Amino acid sequence: QVQLVESGGGSVQPGGSLRLSCVASGNIFHMNTMGWYRQAPGKQRELAASITDVGIKNYADSVKGRFTISRDNTRTTVYLQMNNLKPEDTAVYYCNFRNRWTSVDDWGPGTQVTVSS
């Protein structure tokens, strides 16, 4: 129903920065939340950050002050600016689109973020 194309993942040294982008297309309902979930090896998937269509943001405590989420509603694109990256940020990051009327989720394929020296 909704297709998500992710970009921006890669490998950086501790303290470095990356910017993730996710472009949504298809049957887009205007009342929605877009965000990024991440899953590290051996750990459960967790919400890193999300933002609603009206700009309400939510961050995991572990990324507050370092990550910034934003969106372009005209292009239905969500961005995650990740600064001062730490090794514990290493994970596969999945873009998420949630219809806030039906609560149906759509997911991107995941993009790898690796933080190591």
N, C-alpha and C. Protein backbone atom coordinates (compact mmCIF):
# COMPACT_ATOMS: atom_id res chain seq x y z
N GLN A 1 0.83 -1.20 0.00
CA GLN A 1 0.00 0.00 0.00
C GLN A 1 0.86 1.25 0.00
N VAL A 2 1.85 1.30 0.88
CA VAL A 2 2.81 2.39 0.93
C VAL A 2 4.20 1.80 0.70
N GLN A 3 4.93 2.37 -0.24
CA GLN A 3 6.28 1.94 -0.53
C GLN A 3 7.26 2.92 0.08
N LEU A 4 8.32 2.40 0.70
CA LEU A 4 9.30 3.22 1.40
C LEU A 4 10.69 2.94 0.83
N VAL A 5 11.37 3.99 0.41
CA VAL A 5 12.71 3.88 -0.13
C VAL A 5 13.67 4.60 0.80
N GLU A 6 14.62 3.85 1.35
CA GLU A 6 15.56 4.36 2.33
C GLU A 6 16.91 4.66 1.70
N SER A 7 17.63 5.61 2.29
CA SER A 7 18.98 5.91 1.86
C SER A 7 19.74 6.58 3.00
N GLY A 8 21.05 6.60 2.90
CA GLY A 8 21.88 7.33 3.85
C GLY A 8 22.65 6.50 4.85
N GLY A 9 22.43 5.21 4.89
CA GLY A 9 23.17 4.37 5.82
C GLY A 9 24.62 4.23 5.39
N GLY A 10 25.43 3.72 6.31
CA GLY A 10 26.84 3.53 6.01
C GLY A 10 27.65 3.30 7.26
N SER A 11 28.96 3.41 7.12
CA SER A 11 29.89 3.20 8.22
C SER A 11 30.61 4.50 8.56
N VAL A 12 30.67 4.81 9.85
CA VAL A 12 31.34 6.01 10.33
C VAL A 12 32.11 5.69 11.60
N GLN A 13 33.04 6.57 11.95
CA GLN A 13 33.77 6.46 13.20
C GLN A 13 32.95 7.07 14.34
N PRO A 14 33.21 6.65 15.58
CA PRO A 14 32.53 7.29 16.71
C PRO A 14 32.68 8.80 16.66
N GLY A 15 31.58 9.51 16.95
CA GLY A 15 31.57 10.95 16.87
C GLY A 15 31.16 11.49 15.52
N GLY A 16 31.06 10.63 14.53
CA GLY A 16 30.68 11.04 13.19
C GLY A 16 29.19 11.22 13.05
N SER A 17 28.78 11.57 11.83
CA SER A 17 27.37 11.87 11.55
C SER A 17 26.90 11.15 10.29
N LEU A 18 25.62 10.84 10.27
CA LEU A 18 24.95 10.31 9.10
C LEU A 18 23.56 10.92 9.03
N ARG A 19 23.01 10.99 7.83
CA ARG A 19 21.65 11.46 7.64
C ARG A 19 20.87 10.43 6.85
N LEU A 20 19.85 9.85 7.47
CA LEU A 20 18.99 8.89 6.82
C LEU A 20 17.80 9.59 6.19
N SER A 21 17.39 9.11 5.03
CA SER A 21 16.22 9.63 4.35
C SER A 21 15.29 8.48 3.99
N CYS A 22 14.00 8.75 4.00
CA CYS A 22 13.00 7.75 3.62
C CYS A 22 11.89 8.45 2.85
N VAL A 23 11.67 8.03 1.63
CA VAL A 23 10.65 8.61 0.77
C VAL A 23 9.48 7.64 0.66
N ALA A 24 8.29 8.12 0.99
CA ALA A 24 7.08 7.31 0.92
C ALA A 24 6.30 7.62 -0.35
N SER A 25 5.71 6.59 -0.92
CA SER A 25 4.86 6.75 -2.10
C SER A 25 3.75 5.72 -2.05
N GLY A 26 2.73 5.92 -2.89
CA GLY A 26 1.62 5.00 -2.94
C GLY A 26 0.37 5.59 -2.30
N ASN A 27 -0.37 4.75 -1.58
CA ASN A 27 -1.63 5.15 -0.95
C ASN A 27 -1.35 5.81 0.39
N ILE A 28 -0.95 7.08 0.35
CA ILE A 28 -0.55 7.82 1.55
C ILE A 28 -1.74 8.53 2.17
N PHE A 29 -2.06 8.18 3.41
CA PHE A 29 -3.10 8.86 4.18
C PHE A 29 -2.45 10.00 4.96
N HIS A 30 -3.09 11.18 4.95
CA HIS A 30 -2.45 12.36 5.51
C HIS A 30 -2.22 12.28 7.01
N MET A 31 -3.05 11.55 7.74
CA MET A 31 -2.86 11.37 9.17
C MET A 31 -1.93 10.18 9.39
N ASN A 32 -0.67 10.47 9.58
CA ASN A 32 0.31 9.39 9.66
C ASN A 32 1.47 9.76 10.56
N THR A 33 2.19 8.75 10.97
CA THR A 33 3.44 8.90 11.69
C THR A 33 4.53 8.22 10.87
N MET A 34 5.64 8.90 10.68
CA MET A 34 6.79 8.30 10.02
C MET A 34 7.96 8.31 11.00
N GLY A 35 8.78 7.30 10.93
CA GLY A 35 9.90 7.25 11.84
C GLY A 35 10.89 6.17 11.49
N TRP A 36 11.85 6.03 12.39
CA TRP A 36 12.91 5.05 12.22
C TRP A 36 12.99 4.15 13.44
N TYR A 37 12.92 2.87 13.20
CA TYR A 37 13.18 1.86 14.21
C TYR A 37 14.54 1.25 13.93
N ARG A 38 15.17 0.72 14.95
CA ARG A 38 16.46 0.09 14.76
C ARG A 38 16.54 -1.21 15.53
N GLN A 39 17.34 -2.12 15.00
CA GLN A 39 17.54 -3.42 15.63
C GLN A 39 19.02 -3.76 15.58
N ALA A 40 19.63 -3.83 16.76
CA ALA A 40 21.03 -4.20 16.89
C ALA A 40 21.13 -5.71 17.03
N PRO A 41 22.29 -6.28 16.72
CA PRO A 41 22.47 -7.73 16.84
C PRO A 41 22.13 -8.23 18.24
N GLY A 42 21.28 -9.24 18.32
CA GLY A 42 20.92 -9.84 19.59
C GLY A 42 19.96 -9.04 20.43
N LYS A 43 19.41 -7.95 19.89
CA LYS A 43 18.50 -7.11 20.65
C LYS A 43 17.16 -6.96 19.96
N GLN A 44 16.16 -6.53 20.72
CA GLN A 44 14.83 -6.28 20.17
C GLN A 44 14.82 -5.00 19.35
N ARG A 45 13.92 -4.95 18.39
CA ARG A 45 13.73 -3.73 17.62
C ARG A 45 13.16 -2.64 18.52
N GLU A 46 13.67 -1.42 18.37
CA GLU A 46 13.22 -0.31 19.19
C GLU A 46 13.02 0.93 18.33
N LEU A 47 12.13 1.79 18.80
CA LEU A 47 11.92 3.07 18.13
C LEU A 47 13.09 4.00 18.42
N ALA A 48 13.71 4.51 17.37
CA ALA A 48 14.73 5.53 17.54
C ALA A 48 14.11 6.93 17.57
N ALA A 49 13.27 7.22 16.59
CA ALA A 49 12.61 8.52 16.52
C ALA A 49 11.43 8.45 15.58
N SER A 50 10.42 9.27 15.83
CA SER A 50 9.26 9.35 14.95
C SER A 50 8.73 10.77 14.93
N ILE A 51 7.92 11.05 13.92
CA ILE A 51 7.31 12.37 13.78
C ILE A 51 5.97 12.21 13.08
N THR A 52 4.94 12.87 13.61
CA THR A 52 3.61 12.79 13.02
C THR A 52 3.46 13.80 11.90
N ASP A 53 2.32 13.72 11.21
CA ASP A 53 2.04 14.66 10.12
C ASP A 53 1.94 16.10 10.61
N VAL A 54 1.62 16.29 11.91
CA VAL A 54 1.52 17.64 12.46
C VAL A 54 2.75 18.04 13.26
N GLY A 55 3.82 17.25 13.17
CA GLY A 55 5.10 17.66 13.72
C GLY A 55 5.40 17.23 15.14
N ILE A 56 4.61 16.32 15.71
CA ILE A 56 4.88 15.82 17.05
C ILE A 56 5.99 14.78 16.98
N LYS A 57 7.06 15.00 17.75
CA LYS A 57 8.24 14.15 17.70
C LYS A 57 8.36 13.28 18.93
N ASN A 58 8.96 12.12 18.74
CA ASN A 58 9.23 11.20 19.83
C ASN A 58 10.61 10.59 19.61
N TYR A 59 11.42 10.56 20.68
CA TYR A 59 12.77 10.03 20.60
C TYR A 59 13.00 9.00 21.69
N ALA A 60 13.81 8.01 21.37
CA ALA A 60 14.31 7.13 22.41
C ALA A 60 15.24 7.93 23.32
N ASP A 61 15.23 7.61 24.61
CA ASP A 61 16.09 8.33 25.54
C ASP A 61 17.56 8.27 25.14
N SER A 62 17.96 7.16 24.56
CA SER A 62 19.36 6.95 24.21
C SER A 62 19.85 7.85 23.08
N VAL A 63 18.94 8.45 22.31
CA VAL A 63 19.35 9.27 21.18
C VAL A 63 19.02 10.74 21.36
N LYS A 64 18.32 11.10 22.43
CA LYS A 64 17.95 12.49 22.65
C LYS A 64 19.19 13.37 22.74
N GLY A 65 19.12 14.50 22.06
CA GLY A 65 20.25 15.42 22.03
C GLY A 65 21.26 15.13 20.95
N ARG A 66 21.17 13.96 20.33
CA ARG A 66 22.10 13.59 19.28
C ARG A 66 21.42 13.41 17.92
N PHE A 67 20.20 12.88 17.93
CA PHE A 67 19.44 12.65 16.70
C PHE A 67 18.35 13.70 16.55
N THR A 68 18.08 14.09 15.32
CA THR A 68 17.00 15.02 15.02
C THR A 68 16.17 14.47 13.88
N ILE A 69 14.87 14.34 14.11
CA ILE A 69 13.98 13.85 13.06
C ILE A 69 13.19 15.03 12.48
N SER A 70 12.96 14.99 11.19
CA SER A 70 12.20 16.03 10.52
C SER A 70 11.50 15.41 9.32
N ARG A 71 10.57 16.16 8.73
CA ARG A 71 9.87 15.64 7.56
C ARG A 71 9.48 16.75 6.61
N ASP A 72 9.30 16.36 5.37
CA ASP A 72 8.83 17.23 4.32
C ASP A 72 7.50 16.64 3.86
N ASN A 73 6.40 17.27 4.27
CA ASN A 73 5.09 16.71 3.97
C ASN A 73 4.72 16.79 2.49
N THR A 74 5.28 17.77 1.79
CA THR A 74 5.01 17.88 0.36
C THR A 74 5.56 16.67 -0.38
N ARG A 75 6.74 16.23 0.01
CA ARG A 75 7.40 15.09 -0.63
C ARG A 75 7.19 13.80 0.14
N THR A 76 6.49 13.86 1.29
CA THR A 76 6.29 12.72 2.17
C THR A 76 7.62 12.00 2.41
N THR A 77 8.55 12.74 2.94
CA THR A 77 9.89 12.25 3.21
C THR A 77 10.25 12.53 4.65
N VAL A 78 10.86 11.56 5.31
CA VAL A 78 11.32 11.74 6.67
C VAL A 78 12.84 11.65 6.69
N TYR A 79 13.46 12.50 7.52
CA TYR A 79 14.90 12.53 7.64
C TYR A 79 15.29 12.27 9.09
N LEU A 80 16.40 11.60 9.28
CA LEU A 80 16.96 11.41 10.61
C LEU A 80 18.42 11.84 10.57
N GLN A 81 18.69 13.01 11.15
CA GLN A 81 20.06 13.49 11.27
C GLN A 81 20.66 12.90 12.53
N MET A 82 21.73 12.13 12.39
CA MET A 82 22.36 11.44 13.50
C MET A 82 23.75 12.03 13.71
N ASN A 83 23.94 12.70 14.84
CA ASN A 83 25.22 13.30 15.18
C ASN A 83 25.83 12.62 16.39
N ASN A 84 27.14 12.81 16.55
CA ASN A 84 27.87 12.21 17.67
C ASN A 84 27.53 10.73 17.83
N LEU A 85 27.64 10.02 16.73
CA LEU A 85 27.29 8.60 16.74
C LEU A 85 28.20 7.80 17.65
N LYS A 86 27.61 6.80 18.30
CA LYS A 86 28.31 5.92 19.22
C LYS A 86 28.26 4.49 18.70
N PRO A 87 29.21 3.65 19.13
CA PRO A 87 29.17 2.24 18.69
C PRO A 87 27.83 1.57 18.99
N GLU A 88 27.18 1.93 20.09
CA GLU A 88 25.91 1.32 20.44
C GLU A 88 24.77 1.74 19.53
N ASP A 89 25.00 2.71 18.64
CA ASP A 89 24.01 3.06 17.63
C ASP A 89 24.03 2.10 16.44
N THR A 90 25.04 1.24 16.39
CA THR A 90 25.14 0.28 15.30
C THR A 90 23.91 -0.61 15.26
N ALA A 91 23.24 -0.65 14.12
CA ALA A 91 22.01 -1.41 13.97
C ALA A 91 21.54 -1.33 12.53
N VAL A 92 20.56 -2.15 12.21
CA VAL A 92 19.81 -1.98 10.98
C VAL A 92 18.67 -1.02 11.29
N TYR A 93 18.55 0.04 10.52
CA TYR A 93 17.52 1.04 10.72
C TYR A 93 16.42 0.85 9.69
N TYR A 94 15.18 0.76 10.17
CA TYR A 94 14.03 0.51 9.32
C TYR A 94 13.10 1.72 9.31
N CYS A 95 12.79 2.22 8.14
CA CYS A 95 11.81 3.29 8.01
C CYS A 95 10.41 2.72 8.24
N ASN A 96 9.58 3.47 8.95
CA ASN A 96 8.23 3.04 9.27
C ASN A 96 7.23 4.12 8.88
N PHE A 97 6.13 3.69 8.28
CA PHE A 97 5.00 4.57 7.96
C PHE A 97 3.76 3.98 8.62
N ARG A 98 3.14 4.74 9.51
CA ARG A 98 1.95 4.27 10.21
C ARG A 98 0.75 5.15 9.90
N ASN A 99 -0.27 4.54 9.33
CA ASN A 99 -1.54 5.21 9.11
C ASN A 99 -2.22 5.38 10.47
N ARG A 100 -2.44 6.61 10.91
CA ARG A 100 -3.00 6.85 12.24
C ARG A 100 -4.52 6.67 12.30
N TRP A 101 -5.15 6.40 11.18
CA TRP A 101 -6.56 6.09 11.16
C TRP A 101 -6.79 4.58 11.26
N THR A 102 -6.02 3.81 10.52
CA THR A 102 -6.16 2.36 10.52
C THR A 102 -5.13 1.66 11.41
N SER A 103 -4.08 2.35 11.81
CA SER A 103 -2.97 1.80 12.58
C SER A 103 -2.17 0.75 11.80
N VAL A 104 -2.29 0.76 10.49
CA VAL A 104 -1.55 -0.17 9.65
C VAL A 104 -0.13 0.36 9.43
N ASP A 105 0.85 -0.52 9.59
CA ASP A 105 2.26 -0.18 9.40
C ASP A 105 2.78 -0.67 8.05
N ASP A 106 3.63 0.14 7.44
CA ASP A 106 4.43 -0.27 6.30
C ASP A 106 5.88 -0.04 6.65
N TRP A 107 6.76 -0.90 6.11
CA TRP A 107 8.16 -0.88 6.49
C TRP A 107 9.07 -0.83 5.28
N GLY A 108 10.18 -0.12 5.44
CA GLY A 108 11.24 -0.17 4.46
C GLY A 108 12.07 -1.43 4.65
N PRO A 109 12.97 -1.71 3.72
CA PRO A 109 13.76 -2.94 3.79
C PRO A 109 14.87 -2.92 4.84
N GLY A 110 15.21 -1.76 5.35
CA GLY A 110 16.27 -1.62 6.34
C GLY A 110 17.57 -1.17 5.71
N THR A 111 18.30 -0.32 6.42
CA THR A 111 19.60 0.14 5.98
C THR A 111 20.58 0.04 7.14
N GLN A 112 21.77 -0.46 6.86
CA GLN A 112 22.76 -0.71 7.91
C GLN A 112 23.48 0.57 8.30
N VAL A 113 23.58 0.80 9.61
CA VAL A 113 24.40 1.86 10.17
C VAL A 113 25.43 1.21 11.08
N THR A 114 26.70 1.43 10.79
CA THR A 114 27.79 0.85 11.57
C THR A 114 28.68 1.96 12.10
N VAL A 115 28.90 1.97 13.40
CA VAL A 115 29.75 2.96 14.06
C VAL A 115 30.89 2.22 14.74
N SER A 116 32.08 2.37 14.21
CA SER A 116 33.25 1.69 14.76
C SER A 116 34.51 2.42 14.38
N SER A 117 35.56 2.20 15.16
CA SER A 117 36.85 2.79 14.87
C SER A 117 37.72 1.86 14.05
